[in-house]
Protein backbone atom coordinates (compact mmCIF):
# COMPACT_ATOMS: atom_id res chain seq x y z
CA MET A 1 0.01 -0.02 -0.26
CA CYS A 2 1.48 3.50 -0.53
CA CYS A 3 0.56 6.50 1.39
CA LEU A 4 0.71 10.06 -0.31
CA GLY A 5 1.76 12.66 2.55
CA VAL A 6 0.90 16.15 1.98
CA GLN A 7 3.12 18.78 3.77
CA VAL A 8 1.51 21.75 5.27
CA MET A 9 3.15 25.09 5.82
CA TYR A 10 2.47 27.51 8.43
CA ALA A 11 3.31 30.81 8.01
CA GLN A 12 4.10 33.14 11.28
CA GLN A 13 2.67 36.18 11.44
CA SER A 14 4.10 38.71 13.94
CA GLN A 15 1.35 40.52 15.85
CA VAL A 16 2.98 43.09 17.79
CA TYR A 17 4.77 45.30 15.68
CA LYS A 18 8.14 46.72 17.67
CA PRO A 19 10.60 48.19 15.95
CA THR A 20 14.60 47.58 17.17
CA VAL A 21 15.55 51.12 16.38
CA SER A 22 14.00 54.17 16.08
CA ARG A 23 15.56 56.96 13.65
CA VAL A 24 15.03 60.69 13.53
CA LEU A 25 16.35 62.57 10.58
CA PHE A 26 16.19 66.37 11.17
CA LEU A 27 15.72 68.67 7.57
CA LEU A 28 17.23 71.69 9.22
CA ASP A 29 16.65 75.40 6.88
CA VAL A 30 19.90 77.27 6.67
CA SER A 31 18.62 79.27 4.25
CA GLY A 32 19.39 83.35 4.60
CA SER A 33 16.29 83.99 6.53
CA MET A 34 17.66 82.00 9.11
CA LYS A 35 20.61 85.08 9.75
CA GLU A 36 17.60 86.97 11.04
CA ASP A 37 17.19 88.06 15.08
CA TRP A 38 14.70 86.15 16.93
CA ASN A 39 14.01 87.34 20.56
CA GLY A 40 17.58 88.57 20.33
CA ARG A 41 19.78 85.70 18.60
CA LYS A 42 19.89 84.70 15.32
CA LYS A 43 17.45 81.53 14.45
CA PHE A 44 20.05 79.26 13.52
CA ASP A 45 21.95 79.68 16.53
CA VAL A 46 18.91 79.19 18.27
CA ALA A 47 18.25 76.11 16.81
CA LYS A 48 21.59 74.30 16.78
CA GLU A 49 22.22 74.80 19.94
CA LEU A 50 18.23 73.75 21.19
CA LEU A 51 19.18 71.09 18.82
CA TYR A 52 22.28 69.53 20.27
CA LYS A 53 20.68 69.61 23.86
CA LEU A 54 17.62 67.78 22.77
CA ILE A 55 19.68 65.10 21.03
CA ASP A 56 22.09 64.60 24.04
CA SER A 57 19.65 64.37 26.22
CA VAL A 58 17.37 61.81 24.52
CA GLU A 59 20.50 59.77 23.35
CA LYS A 60 21.36 59.25 27.41
CA LYS A 61 18.34 57.80 28.05
CA ASN A 62 17.07 56.01 25.26
CA PRO A 63 20.39 54.13 23.41
CA ASN A 64 17.94 52.71 21.06
CA VAL A 65 17.05 56.28 18.97
CA GLN A 66 19.33 57.10 16.56
CA PHE A 67 19.44 61.02 14.89
CA GLY A 68 20.55 62.15 11.56
CA VAL A 69 20.64 65.68 9.96
CA ARG A 70 19.74 66.84 6.15
CA ALA A 71 21.06 70.97 5.88
CA PHE A 72 19.38 72.80 3.39
CA GLY A 73 20.64 76.29 2.02
CA TYR A 74 23.93 76.75 3.47
CA GLN A 75 26.00 75.85 0.07
CA SER A 76 25.48 78.33 -2.55
CA PRO A 77 24.55 81.86 -1.85
CA ARG A 78 21.01 83.13 -2.31
CA ALA A 79 22.22 84.59 -5.23
CA ASP A 80 22.86 81.76 -7.20
CA ARG A 81 19.40 80.31 -7.03
CA ASN A 82 20.62 76.89 -6.00
CA CYS A 83 17.63 74.72 -5.47
CA LYS A 84 19.20 71.64 -4.94
CA ASP A 85 21.67 72.83 -2.06
CA SER A 86 20.93 70.00 0.07
CA LYS A 87 22.94 67.60 2.09
CA LEU A 88 23.31 64.69 5.09
CA LEU A 89 25.36 66.65 6.81
CA VAL A 90 25.62 64.10 9.79
CA PRO A 91 24.44 60.48 8.86
CA PHE A 92 22.39 58.00 11.35
CA ALA A 93 24.64 56.99 14.23
CA LYS A 94 24.29 55.95 18.13
CA ASN A 95 25.41 58.84 20.14
CA ASN A 96 25.42 60.69 17.39
CA ALA A 97 24.82 64.79 19.57
CA ALA A 98 28.24 65.58 19.36
CA ASN A 99 28.72 65.01 15.27
CA ILE A 100 25.95 66.99 14.83
CA GLN A 101 26.72 69.64 17.16
CA LEU A 102 30.91 70.01 15.53
CA ALA A 103 29.25 70.04 12.15
CA LEU A 104 26.06 72.39 12.51
CA GLN A 105 29.44 74.85 14.05
CA LYS A 106 30.77 74.66 10.63
CA ILE A 107 28.06 75.97 7.91
CA SER A 108 25.95 79.32 8.13
CA PRO A 109 23.09 80.29 6.55
CA GLN A 110 23.29 81.47 3.25
CA GLY A 111 21.14 79.96 0.17
CA MET A 112 17.41 79.27 -0.91
CA THR A 113 14.60 76.84 0.71
CA PRO A 114 14.72 74.02 -1.16
CA ILE A 115 12.19 72.14 1.43
CA ALA A 116 10.67 69.85 -1.39
CA TYR A 117 13.79 68.23 -2.82
CA SER A 118 14.99 67.75 0.70
CA LEU A 119 12.04 65.75 1.46
CA LEU A 120 12.54 63.69 -1.77
CA GLN A 121 15.93 63.11 -1.06
CA ALA A 122 15.64 62.28 2.64
CA PRO A 123 14.86 58.71 1.65
CA ALA A 124 18.08 57.61 0.90
CA ASP A 125 19.41 59.16 4.01
CA PHE A 126 17.68 55.90 6.03
CA PRO A 127 19.50 52.88 6.40
CA ALA A 128 17.72 49.83 5.09
CA ASP A 129 15.96 48.07 7.64
CA SER A 130 12.52 46.81 7.99
CA LYS A 131 13.07 46.73 11.96
CA SER A 132 13.23 50.84 11.77
CA LEU A 133 10.95 53.26 13.00
CA ASN A 134 11.67 56.67 10.78
CA SER A 135 10.82 60.04 11.11
CA ILE A 136 11.41 63.03 9.90
CA ILE A 137 11.22 66.46 11.44
CA ILE A 138 11.32 69.90 9.76
CA ILE A 139 13.21 73.01 11.18
CA THR A 140 12.42 76.08 9.37
CA ASP A 141 11.33 79.79 9.35
CA GLY A 142 9.51 80.09 6.10
CA ASN A 143 8.40 79.04 3.18
CA GLU A 144 9.81 76.66 -0.18
CA ASN A 145 11.17 79.36 -2.67
CA CYS A 146 12.33 76.57 -5.02
CA ASP A 147 8.40 76.35 -7.00
CA GLY A 148 9.34 72.50 -4.85
CA ASN A 149 5.53 70.63 -4.09
CA PRO A 150 6.69 69.70 -0.46
CA CYS A 151 2.97 67.94 -0.36
CA SER A 152 4.02 65.86 -3.14
CA SER A 153 6.99 64.81 -1.44
CA SER A 154 5.63 64.48 1.81
CA GLN A 155 3.04 62.06 -0.06
CA GLN A 156 5.61 59.82 -1.73
CA LEU A 157 7.52 58.94 1.64
CA ILE A 158 4.14 57.95 3.05
CA GLU A 159 3.40 56.09 0.20
CA LYS A 160 6.56 54.30 -0.15
CA ARG A 161 6.49 53.35 3.59
CA ILE A 162 9.76 54.95 4.47
CA THR A 163 8.86 57.44 7.58
CA VAL A 164 5.41 58.59 9.37
CA ARG A 165 4.15 62.26 8.08
CA PRO A 166 6.60 64.54 8.87
CA PHE A 167 6.91 67.17 11.66
CA ILE A 168 7.28 70.91 10.77
CA VAL A 169 8.24 73.15 13.92
CA GLY A 170 8.04 76.62 12.59
CA LEU A 171 10.13 79.39 13.86
CA SER A 172 7.48 82.53 13.73
CA VAL A 173 6.39 81.12 10.35
CA GLY A 174 3.45 83.32 10.45
CA GLU A 175 -0.26 82.51 9.78
CA LYS A 176 0.03 82.80 5.93
CA ASN A 177 2.62 80.20 5.58
CA ALA A 178 1.36 77.86 8.15
CA GLU A 179 -1.47 77.04 5.87
CA LYS A 180 0.78 76.26 3.18
CA PHE A 181 2.62 73.32 5.75
CA LYS A 182 -0.81 71.27 6.71
CA CYS A 183 -0.53 69.43 3.80
CA ILE A 184 3.31 67.86 4.57
CA GLY A 185 2.36 67.01 8.27
CA THR A 186 1.89 67.93 11.57
CA PHE A 187 2.70 71.73 11.84
CA LEU A 188 3.76 73.38 15.07
CA ASP A 189 4.75 77.10 15.32
CA THR A 190 7.15 78.44 17.83
CA GLN A 191 7.73 82.37 19.47
CA THR A 192 10.45 81.39 21.77
CA ASP A 193 13.53 79.56 22.76
CA SER A 194 11.67 77.66 25.55
CA ALA A 195 8.72 76.69 23.25
CA PHE A 196 10.89 75.26 20.39
CA TYR A 197 12.67 73.42 23.14
CA ASN A 198 9.86 72.01 24.54
CA THR A 199 7.63 71.55 20.85
CA VAL A 200 10.49 69.04 20.06
CA GLY A 201 10.99 67.51 22.46
CA VAL A 202 7.74 66.46 22.97
CA ILE A 203 8.01 65.37 18.95
CA ILE A 204 10.55 63.62 19.85
CA LYS A 205 8.69 62.11 22.58
CA GLN A 206 5.81 61.10 20.81
CA THR A 207 7.77 59.70 18.10
CA LEU A 208 9.82 56.93 20.19
CA ASN A 209 6.34 56.05 21.69
CA THR A 210 4.50 52.72 21.18
CA THR A 211 2.16 52.70 18.49
CA THR A 212 -1.00 51.03 19.40
CA THR A 213 -4.48 51.16 17.53
CA GLN A 214 -8.25 49.37 18.22
CA ILE A 215 -10.52 49.07 15.66
CA ASN A 216 -14.30 49.81 16.93
CA LEU A 217 -16.93 48.07 15.11
CA LEU A 218 -19.81 49.87 15.79
CA ASP A 219 -23.40 47.87 15.54
CA ALA A 220 -26.57 49.47 14.31
CA ASN A 221 -26.78 51.92 17.23
CA ALA A 222 -23.27 53.18 16.86
CA GLN A 223 -21.74 50.40 19.95
CA PRO A 224 -18.18 48.63 19.71
CA THR A 225 -20.13 45.41 20.21
CA VAL A 226 -19.39 43.89 17.17
CA THR A 227 -16.90 41.33 17.65
CA ASN A 228 -14.77 38.01 15.78
CA ILE A 229 -15.00 39.04 11.94
CA PRO A 230 -12.00 38.51 10.16
CA PHE A 231 -9.94 41.75 8.25
CA THR A 232 -7.41 42.21 6.64
CA LEU A 233 -4.95 45.32 6.41
CA TYR A 234 -3.68 46.41 2.91
CA ASP A 235 -1.01 48.71 1.75
CA HIS A 236 -2.61 51.81 0.02
CA ALA A 237 -0.51 52.17 -2.16
CA SER A 238 0.57 49.19 -3.52
CA ARG A 239 -2.61 46.93 -2.12
CA LYS A 240 -0.22 44.25 -0.82
CA MET A 241 -1.49 42.63 2.19
CA LEU A 242 0.14 43.29 5.23
CA TYR A 243 -1.84 41.64 8.03
CA ASN A 244 -4.52 39.39 8.87
CA PHE A 245 -6.16 39.33 12.17
CA ILE A 246 -10.21 37.82 13.84
CA HIS A 247 -11.28 41.02 15.91
CA THR A 248 -11.26 40.24 19.22
CA LEU A 249 -12.61 41.59 22.27
CA ASN A 250 -10.51 41.71 25.63
CA GLU A 251 -11.67 40.43 28.94
CA LYS A 252 -12.94 43.76 29.86
CA GLY A 253 -15.13 43.75 26.78
CA ASN A 254 -13.34 46.13 24.62
CA PRO A 255 -11.64 45.64 21.31
CA ASP A 256 -8.52 44.48 21.32
CA THR A 257 -5.30 46.76 21.45
CA LEU A 258 -3.01 46.21 17.86
CA TYR A 259 0.41 46.78 17.53
CA LEU A 260 1.02 47.96 13.57
CA ASP A 261 3.65 49.92 11.79
CA PRO A 262 2.40 53.41 12.15
CA VAL A 263 4.44 54.10 8.75
CA GLY A 264 2.46 54.32 5.89
CA VAL A 265 -1.63 54.46 5.14
CA TYR A 266 -3.52 51.22 5.42
CA ASP A 267 -6.82 50.37 3.82
CA ILE A 268 -9.00 48.00 5.82
CA GLU A 269 -11.26 45.20 4.67
CA LEU A 270 -13.74 43.64 6.86
CA HIS A 271 -15.12 40.17 5.67
CA THR A 272 -18.42 40.56 6.57
CA ILE A 273 -20.76 39.52 3.95
CA PRO A 274 -21.01 41.69 1.85
CA ALA A 275 -17.55 42.89 2.81
CA ILE A 276 -16.56 46.31 3.80
CA ARG A 277 -13.77 48.34 2.55
CA LYS A 278 -12.44 51.53 5.00
CA GLU A 279 -9.46 53.15 2.78
CA ASN A 280 -7.15 55.70 3.44
CA VAL A 281 -6.75 54.96 7.10
CA GLU A 282 -3.40 56.74 8.57
CA LEU A 283 -2.13 56.41 11.87
CA THR A 284 -0.60 58.57 14.18
CA ALA A 285 2.84 57.46 15.41
CA GLY A 286 3.30 57.36 19.59
CA LYS A 287 -0.36 57.12 19.88
CA HIS A 288 -3.13 55.24 20.86
CA ASN A 289 -5.54 55.45 17.63
CA ILE A 290 -9.42 54.68 17.26
CA ILE A 291 -10.77 52.96 14.09
CA ALA A 292 -14.31 53.29 13.95
CA VAL A 293 -16.46 51.13 11.23
CA ASP A 294 -20.17 50.30 10.63
CA VAL A 295 -21.05 47.02 10.82
CA PRO A 296 -24.75 46.67 11.69
CA LEU A 297 -25.47 43.26 11.43
CA ALA A 298 -28.46 41.58 10.58
CA PRO A 299 -28.17 37.84 11.76
CA PHE A 300 -30.43 35.53 9.44
CA SER A 301 -31.93 32.21 10.00
CA LEU A 302 -33.28 29.10 7.55
CA SER A 303 -35.19 27.23 9.10
CA CYS A 304 -37.57 24.52 8.21
CA LEU A 305 -40.31 22.96 10.94
CA GLN A 306 -39.54 19.68 9.62
CA ALA A 307 -37.06 17.35 11.49
CA ASN A 308 -36.38 15.60 8.89
CA TYR A 309 -35.42 18.17 6.68
CA SER A 310 -31.13 17.54 6.88
CA ASN A 311 -29.08 20.30 5.64
CA ASN A 312 -28.38 18.45 2.57
CA ASP A 313 -32.30 18.49 1.43
CA ALA A 314 -31.28 22.35 0.68
CA GLN A 315 -28.73 25.50 0.52
CA LEU A 316 -29.66 28.92 0.38
CA VAL A 317 -27.30 31.34 -2.40
CA MET A 318 -27.61 34.64 -0.93
CA ARG A 319 -27.44 37.53 -3.59
CA SER A 320 -26.75 40.92 -4.00
CA PRO A 321 -30.03 43.02 -5.29
CA ALA A 322 -27.02 43.02 -8.69
CA GLN A 323 -26.95 39.07 -8.82
CA LYS A 324 -23.52 38.66 -7.45
CA MET A 325 -23.23 35.95 -5.22
CA LEU A 326 -22.13 36.71 -1.54
CA ASN A 327 -22.65 33.56 0.16
CA VAL A 328 -23.75 29.72 0.28
CA GLN A 329 -26.11 29.06 3.72
CA ASP A 330 -26.77 25.85 4.86
CA LEU A 331 -30.52 24.81 6.34
CA ASN A 332 -31.09 25.41 9.77
CA THR A 333 -28.60 27.80 9.81
CA THR A 334 -27.91 31.39 11.29
CA GLU A 335 -25.59 33.39 9.09
CA ASN A 336 -24.96 37.26 10.29
CA TYR A 337 -25.19 39.85 7.03
CA LEU A 338 -25.10 43.43 6.96
CA LYS A 339 -28.67 45.08 6.85
CA GLY A 340 -29.64 45.81 3.51
CA ASP A 341 -31.40 44.21 0.58
CA PHE A 342 -31.14 40.88 -0.62
CA ARG A 343 -32.52 38.19 -2.94
CA LEU A 344 -32.45 34.94 -1.80
CA GLN A 345 -32.82 31.60 -4.16
CA LEU A 346 -33.07 28.40 -2.22
CA LEU A 347 -31.38 25.00 -4.04
CA THR A 348 -34.61 23.06 -4.13
CA THR A 349 -36.10 21.30 -7.06
CA PRO A 350 -37.73 23.74 -8.17
CA PRO A 351 -35.59 26.58 -6.79
CA VAL A 352 -37.46 28.94 -4.53
CA THR A 353 -36.66 32.91 -5.12
CA SER A 354 -37.72 35.45 -2.76
CA ASP A 355 -36.63 39.18 -2.33
CA THR A 356 -35.65 40.54 1.56
CA SER A 357 -34.76 43.41 3.31
CA LEU A 358 -32.25 42.42 6.85
CA GLN A 359 -32.70 44.58 9.76
CA ALA A 360 -30.11 44.87 12.63
CA PHE A 361 -31.54 43.54 16.39
CA ALA A 362 -34.78 41.79 13.97
CA ASP A 363 -36.18 38.76 13.53
CA ASN A 364 -34.78 37.57 10.04
CA THR A 365 -35.58 34.22 9.49
CA TRP A 366 -37.15 32.59 6.15
CA MET A 367 -39.39 29.17 7.14
CA VAL A 368 -38.73 26.85 4.60
CA SER A 369 -41.81 24.48 3.24
CA HIS A 370 -40.90 20.98 3.69
CA TYR A 371 -40.22 18.99 0.34
CA GLY A 372 -42.56 16.22 -0.93
CA THR A 373 -41.05 13.19 -2.80
CA LEU A 374 -42.31 11.89 -6.10
CA SER A 375 -41.85 8.11 -6.52
CA ILE A 376 -42.01 7.02 -9.79
CA MET A 377 -42.65 3.33 -10.86
CA SER A 378 -41.90 1.99 -14.10
CA GLU A 379 -40.83 -1.67 -15.80
CA ARG A 380 -39.27 0.01 -18.14
CA SER A 381 -35.94 2.83 -18.58
CA CYS A 382 -37.24 5.75 -19.31
CA LEU A 383 -36.12 9.77 -20.31
CA ALA A 384 -38.10 12.09 -18.76
CA SER A 385 -38.98 16.29 -17.82
CA ILE A 386 -40.37 17.63 -14.83
CA TYR A 387 -42.08 20.83 -15.48
CA ALA A 388 -43.57 23.01 -13.30
CA GLY A 389 -46.40 25.41 -15.14
CA LYS A 390 -44.04 26.04 -18.82
CA LYS A 391 -40.89 25.98 -17.02
CA MET A 392 -38.62 22.87 -17.03
CA VAL A 393 -37.50 22.13 -13.51
CA GLU A 394 -35.62 18.56 -13.93
CA ARG A 395 -34.20 16.20 -16.34
CA VAL A 396 -34.10 12.41 -15.06
CA GLU A 397 -33.45 8.84 -16.29
CA TRP A 398 -34.10 5.82 -14.52
CA LYS A 399 -33.68 1.85 -15.87
CA GLY A 400 -37.08 0.99 -14.68
CA LYS A 401 -38.32 -0.30 -10.96
CA THR A 402 -38.61 3.01 -8.71
CA MET A 403 -36.99 6.46 -8.68
CA ASN A 404 -37.50 8.84 -5.99
CA ARG A 405 -37.49 12.81 -6.40
CA LYS A 406 -37.46 15.24 -3.86
CA LEU A 407 -39.72 18.76 -5.18
CA GLN A 408 -41.31 21.59 -3.91
CA PRO A 409 -45.13 21.66 -3.06
CA GLY A 410 -47.21 22.37 -6.19
CA LYS A 411 -48.94 21.10 -9.44
CA TYR A 412 -46.85 19.61 -12.11
CA ARG A 413 -46.26 17.48 -15.37
CA ILE A 414 -43.88 14.87 -16.29
CA VAL A 415 -43.24 14.09 -20.47
CA TYR A 416 -41.58 10.75 -20.98
CA LYS A 417 -41.03 7.91 -23.46
CA PRO A 418 -39.02 4.93 -23.42
CA THR A 419 -35.22 4.87 -23.66
CA ASP A 420 -35.26 1.79 -25.97
CA SER A 421 -37.72 3.72 -28.45
CA TYR A 422 -36.81 5.62 -31.55
CA GLU A 423 -40.34 7.22 -32.42
CA SER A 424 -41.10 10.71 -30.80
CA GLU A 425 -44.82 9.82 -30.91
CA THR A 426 -44.33 7.34 -27.68
CA THR A 427 -44.11 10.78 -24.82
CA ARG A 428 -46.09 10.56 -22.98
CA THR A 429 -47.60 13.27 -20.61
CA ARG A 430 -49.17 12.62 -17.05
CA THR A 431 -50.10 15.38 -14.33
CA PHE A 432 -49.43 15.21 -10.64
CA GLU A 433 -49.05 17.24 -7.35
CA ILE A 434 -46.50 17.22 -4.62
CA ILE A 435 -47.76 17.85 -1.15
CA GLU A 436 -45.90 18.69 1.57
CA GLY A 437 -44.16 16.23 3.71
CA GLN A 438 -45.82 13.67 2.09
CA ASN A 439 -45.05 10.95 -1.01
CA THR A 440 -46.65 10.76 -4.17
CA VAL A 441 -47.24 7.50 -6.01
CA LEU A 442 -46.37 7.62 -9.76
CA ASN A 443 -47.05 5.02 -11.58
CA LEU A 444 -45.89 5.16 -15.22
CA GLN A 445 -47.40 2.45 -17.65
CA GLU A 446 -45.93 1.67 -20.62
CA PRO A 447 -47.24 3.64 -23.82
């Protein structure tokens, strides 16, 4: 005897996103306007001094964070209009505060403000590392003046899952320019040294915090009671599948907490009937994110009062109003659907169809009629067609003796002829009626 074995492969999915290192890249404005006075000191002098203090302080407390600096606007005078004046000044490394301090002391403001170009160059500044969380903090005192599109550049970083959406810290930027930064990421304007120091410190702390997410599946009363729904998370830009989960309520009855990569934009697909899709879901790094999705479930029961009507005797095809098949449901079961309109087709002989509107928190039950049995008796083999009205519902062939068929209650006719006859005129027709739960015997005499 030969046994054939089938090997089942198991793929483990990491349920917790935990980066091994956090990298923060400062995009530092060193354009000509950073020479201007700000509360009695030059803006650039304030920025470089406070950055060093912040970075040094954070590195001493957190060995898993690395800082880097890309500076723009310091290599060419403004008169040259060099809109590619952007360079990775200090690459990422551990304990980088002293290197950053030294590098900033060697440069001075003079050029343009190519923010969009700098954002596009930033991806190459981060080492290729799937276990890192990448963040960008832009420090500037003015608006893009190189005709670039910072909004588009920022969006590309998100779509490519390179960094979380940038933070922009303004040094007295003003309301007019502040509006232009909101499409890039979170904009925070500062008016004093202490405000700048505290703001950048809060941003760094937030980016280093664990990002958590809970998905609230709301019932028809807008309460997060729905659970046990399988769902998939996709990358919005590439449509690549990233995570699969089954929604769960924790021991306190609250939606369970997930640990997801905060980088990028997600699409969520709930595998309900029909499916629900929520797109363009963006997480806020370092915070607890709550995502709410309306899932107004309407349980539907398919039942028959007759105990001897088994699940194999009939199945239901649930379709959308546009005839798209959504699900196949067994008899004597209950399935959850979304509330709304459906077309039901019971796969009996003949099929039974019905349109229905399922409601949440309602008794959505379809009581199916019990079938009747047709017993055909004949001494000769026959070919036959069974009709309900003008519609043929079944074709049968038997080789004599008795044949049993399950039919829905109603009036029928059978058109038949012996298999060994080569003359159409031997065709005969008989009418009969099927009664629910009863057996109808049809004795076919030879023509």
